[in-house]
Amino acid sequence: MRSKIHIKLRIFTGLALLLMVALFTLQNTEVVTITFLFWHFSLSRALLIFLVLVTGVVVGWVLHSIAERAK
């Protein structure tokens, strides 16, 4: 019985997150221009936020891995 409730909760949570990501993406479609040193490029605000999030996760993971190896 517990496993069925657990599965339903996971499905509900996944669908809720998917809905929030879809709404976030639809509300942040405006194109922004990024200037870094001599590079200029344009992309949607939602994609920019996603790329910053992924970069932060990767940097955090790498730093955590380095700290764990140092122990």
N, C-alpha and C. Protein backbone atom coordinates (compact mmCIF):
# COMPACT_ATOMS: atom_id res chain seq x y z
N MET A 1 0.83 -1.20 0.00
CA MET A 1 0.00 0.00 0.00
C MET A 1 0.87 1.26 0.00
N ARG A 2 1.91 1.23 0.81
CA ARG A 2 2.78 2.40 0.91
C ARG A 2 3.44 2.71 -0.43
N SER A 3 3.82 1.69 -1.17
CA SER A 3 4.50 1.92 -2.44
C SER A 3 3.57 2.58 -3.46
N LYS A 4 2.29 2.25 -3.44
CA LYS A 4 1.35 2.88 -4.37
C LYS A 4 1.19 4.36 -4.05
N ILE A 5 1.14 4.68 -2.77
CA ILE A 5 1.04 6.09 -2.37
C ILE A 5 2.32 6.82 -2.75
N HIS A 6 3.45 6.17 -2.56
CA HIS A 6 4.74 6.76 -2.90
C HIS A 6 4.82 7.04 -4.41
N ILE A 7 4.38 6.10 -5.21
CA ILE A 7 4.41 6.26 -6.66
C ILE A 7 3.48 7.40 -7.09
N LYS A 8 2.28 7.46 -6.52
CA LYS A 8 1.34 8.54 -6.86
C LYS A 8 1.89 9.90 -6.46
N LEU A 9 2.55 9.96 -5.31
CA LEU A 9 3.14 11.21 -4.85
C LEU A 9 4.26 11.65 -5.79
N ARG A 10 5.07 10.71 -6.22
CA ARG A 10 6.16 11.04 -7.16
C ARG A 10 5.60 11.51 -8.49
N ILE A 11 4.55 10.87 -8.99
CA ILE A 11 3.93 11.28 -10.25
C ILE A 11 3.34 12.68 -10.11
N PHE A 12 2.62 12.93 -9.02
CA PHE A 12 2.04 14.24 -8.78
C PHE A 12 3.11 15.31 -8.68
N THR A 13 4.19 15.03 -7.95
CA THR A 13 5.27 15.99 -7.80
C THR A 13 5.94 16.27 -9.14
N GLY A 14 6.17 15.23 -9.92
CA GLY A 14 6.76 15.41 -11.25
C GLY A 14 5.89 16.24 -12.17
N LEU A 15 4.59 15.98 -12.16
CA LEU A 15 3.68 16.76 -13.00
C LEU A 15 3.59 18.21 -12.55
N ALA A 16 3.60 18.43 -11.23
CA ALA A 16 3.57 19.80 -10.70
C ALA A 16 4.83 20.55 -11.11
N LEU A 17 5.99 19.91 -11.01
CA LEU A 17 7.24 20.56 -11.43
C LEU A 17 7.25 20.84 -12.92
N LEU A 18 6.75 19.89 -13.70
CA LEU A 18 6.68 20.08 -15.15
C LEU A 18 5.77 21.26 -15.50
N LEU A 19 4.65 21.38 -14.81
CA LEU A 19 3.74 22.49 -15.04
C LEU A 19 4.41 23.82 -14.68
N MET A 20 5.12 23.85 -13.56
CA MET A 20 5.80 25.10 -13.16
C MET A 20 6.89 25.48 -14.15
N VAL A 21 7.64 24.51 -14.65
CA VAL A 21 8.68 24.80 -15.64
C VAL A 21 8.05 25.32 -16.92
N ALA A 22 6.95 24.72 -17.35
CA ALA A 22 6.26 25.18 -18.56
C ALA A 22 5.75 26.61 -18.39
N LEU A 23 5.15 26.91 -17.24
CA LEU A 23 4.67 28.27 -16.99
C LEU A 23 5.81 29.26 -16.94
N PHE A 24 6.90 28.89 -16.28
CA PHE A 24 8.07 29.76 -16.19
C PHE A 24 8.62 30.06 -17.58
N THR A 25 8.71 29.04 -18.41
CA THR A 25 9.23 29.21 -19.76
C THR A 25 8.33 30.11 -20.59
N LEU A 26 7.03 29.90 -20.50
CA LEU A 26 6.10 30.72 -21.26
C LEU A 26 6.10 32.18 -20.82
N GLN A 27 6.36 32.43 -19.54
CA GLN A 27 6.37 33.80 -19.03
C GLN A 27 7.70 34.50 -19.24
N ASN A 28 8.75 33.79 -19.61
CA ASN A 28 10.07 34.39 -19.76
C ASN A 28 10.65 34.16 -21.15
N THR A 29 9.85 34.42 -22.16
CA THR A 29 10.30 34.20 -23.53
C THR A 29 11.00 35.42 -24.12
N GLU A 30 11.02 36.52 -23.39
CA GLU A 30 11.66 37.74 -23.89
C GLU A 30 13.14 37.47 -24.18
N VAL A 31 13.59 37.99 -25.31
CA VAL A 31 14.99 37.83 -25.70
C VAL A 31 15.82 38.91 -25.02
N VAL A 32 16.92 38.49 -24.41
CA VAL A 32 17.84 39.43 -23.77
C VAL A 32 19.19 39.31 -24.45
N THR A 33 19.92 40.43 -24.46
CA THR A 33 21.25 40.45 -25.06
C THR A 33 22.28 40.41 -23.95
N ILE A 34 23.23 39.51 -24.08
CA ILE A 34 24.29 39.35 -23.11
C ILE A 34 25.58 39.87 -23.72
N THR A 35 26.29 40.71 -22.97
CA THR A 35 27.57 41.24 -23.41
C THR A 35 28.62 40.80 -22.40
N PHE A 36 29.62 40.08 -22.86
CA PHE A 36 30.72 39.63 -22.01
C PHE A 36 32.02 39.87 -22.76
N LEU A 37 32.82 40.78 -22.21
CA LEU A 37 34.05 41.23 -22.86
C LEU A 37 33.73 41.72 -24.26
N PHE A 38 34.17 41.04 -25.30
CA PHE A 38 33.87 41.49 -26.65
C PHE A 38 32.83 40.62 -27.35
N TRP A 39 32.20 39.69 -26.62
CA TRP A 39 31.15 38.85 -27.18
C TRP A 39 29.79 39.45 -26.90
N HIS A 40 28.90 39.34 -27.87
CA HIS A 40 27.51 39.76 -27.72
C HIS A 40 26.63 38.63 -28.27
N PHE A 41 25.67 38.19 -27.48
CA PHE A 41 24.74 37.18 -27.99
C PHE A 41 23.38 37.37 -27.34
N SER A 42 22.36 36.91 -28.03
CA SER A 42 20.98 37.05 -27.57
C SER A 42 20.36 35.67 -27.38
N LEU A 43 19.57 35.54 -26.31
CA LEU A 43 18.85 34.31 -26.06
C LEU A 43 17.69 34.61 -25.13
N SER A 44 16.77 33.67 -25.01
CA SER A 44 15.59 33.92 -24.18
C SER A 44 16.00 33.96 -22.72
N ARG A 45 15.26 34.71 -21.95
CA ARG A 45 15.55 34.85 -20.52
C ARG A 45 15.46 33.50 -19.81
N ALA A 46 14.47 32.69 -20.17
CA ALA A 46 14.32 31.37 -19.54
C ALA A 46 15.54 30.49 -19.81
N LEU A 47 16.04 30.51 -21.03
CA LEU A 47 17.23 29.72 -21.37
C LEU A 47 18.45 30.23 -20.62
N LEU A 48 18.57 31.54 -20.49
CA LEU A 48 19.68 32.12 -19.75
C LEU A 48 19.65 31.66 -18.29
N ILE A 49 18.49 31.72 -17.66
CA ILE A 49 18.37 31.30 -16.26
C ILE A 49 18.68 29.82 -16.13
N PHE A 50 18.21 29.00 -17.07
CA PHE A 50 18.49 27.57 -17.04
C PHE A 50 19.99 27.32 -17.17
N LEU A 51 20.67 28.02 -18.09
CA LEU A 51 22.11 27.83 -18.26
C LEU A 51 22.89 28.24 -17.02
N VAL A 52 22.46 29.32 -16.37
CA VAL A 52 23.11 29.75 -15.13
C VAL A 52 22.90 28.71 -14.05
N LEU A 53 21.71 28.15 -13.96
CA LEU A 53 21.43 27.10 -12.98
C LEU A 53 22.30 25.88 -13.22
N VAL A 54 22.38 25.42 -14.46
CA VAL A 54 23.19 24.25 -14.79
C VAL A 54 24.66 24.52 -14.49
N THR A 55 25.14 25.71 -14.82
CA THR A 55 26.53 26.07 -14.53
C THR A 55 26.79 26.03 -13.03
N GLY A 56 25.88 26.56 -12.24
CA GLY A 56 26.03 26.54 -10.79
C GLY A 56 26.03 25.12 -10.23
N VAL A 57 25.17 24.27 -10.76
CA VAL A 57 25.12 22.87 -10.30
C VAL A 57 26.43 22.16 -10.64
N VAL A 58 26.93 22.36 -11.84
CA VAL A 58 28.17 21.71 -12.26
C VAL A 58 29.34 22.21 -11.41
N VAL A 59 29.44 23.51 -11.19
CA VAL A 59 30.53 24.06 -10.37
C VAL A 59 30.43 23.52 -8.95
N GLY A 60 29.24 23.49 -8.38
CA GLY A 60 29.05 22.94 -7.04
C GLY A 60 29.43 21.48 -6.96
N TRP A 61 29.06 20.71 -7.96
CA TRP A 61 29.38 19.28 -7.99
C TRP A 61 30.89 19.07 -8.08
N VAL A 62 31.55 19.85 -8.94
CA VAL A 62 33.00 19.72 -9.09
C VAL A 62 33.70 20.10 -7.78
N LEU A 63 33.30 21.21 -7.17
CA LEU A 63 33.92 21.63 -5.91
C LEU A 63 33.68 20.61 -4.81
N HIS A 64 32.49 20.05 -4.76
CA HIS A 64 32.19 19.01 -3.77
C HIS A 64 33.06 17.78 -4.00
N SER A 65 33.22 17.39 -5.25
CA SER A 65 34.05 16.22 -5.57
C SER A 65 35.50 16.46 -5.17
N ILE A 66 36.00 17.65 -5.42
CA ILE A 66 37.37 17.99 -5.04
C ILE A 66 37.52 17.95 -3.53
N ALA A 67 36.55 18.50 -2.80
CA ALA A 67 36.60 18.50 -1.34
C ALA A 67 36.54 17.09 -0.77
N GLU A 68 35.73 16.23 -1.38
CA GLU A 68 35.63 14.85 -0.91
C GLU A 68 36.93 14.08 -1.14
N ARG A 69 37.61 14.34 -2.23
CA ARG A 69 38.88 13.65 -2.51
C ARG A 69 39.98 14.11 -1.57
N ALA A 70 39.88 15.36 -1.12
CA ALA A 70 40.91 15.91 -0.24
C ALA A 70 40.81 15.31 1.18
N LYS A 71 39.68 14.73 1.51
CA LYS A 71 39.51 14.16 2.86
C LYS A 71 40.27 12.88 3.05
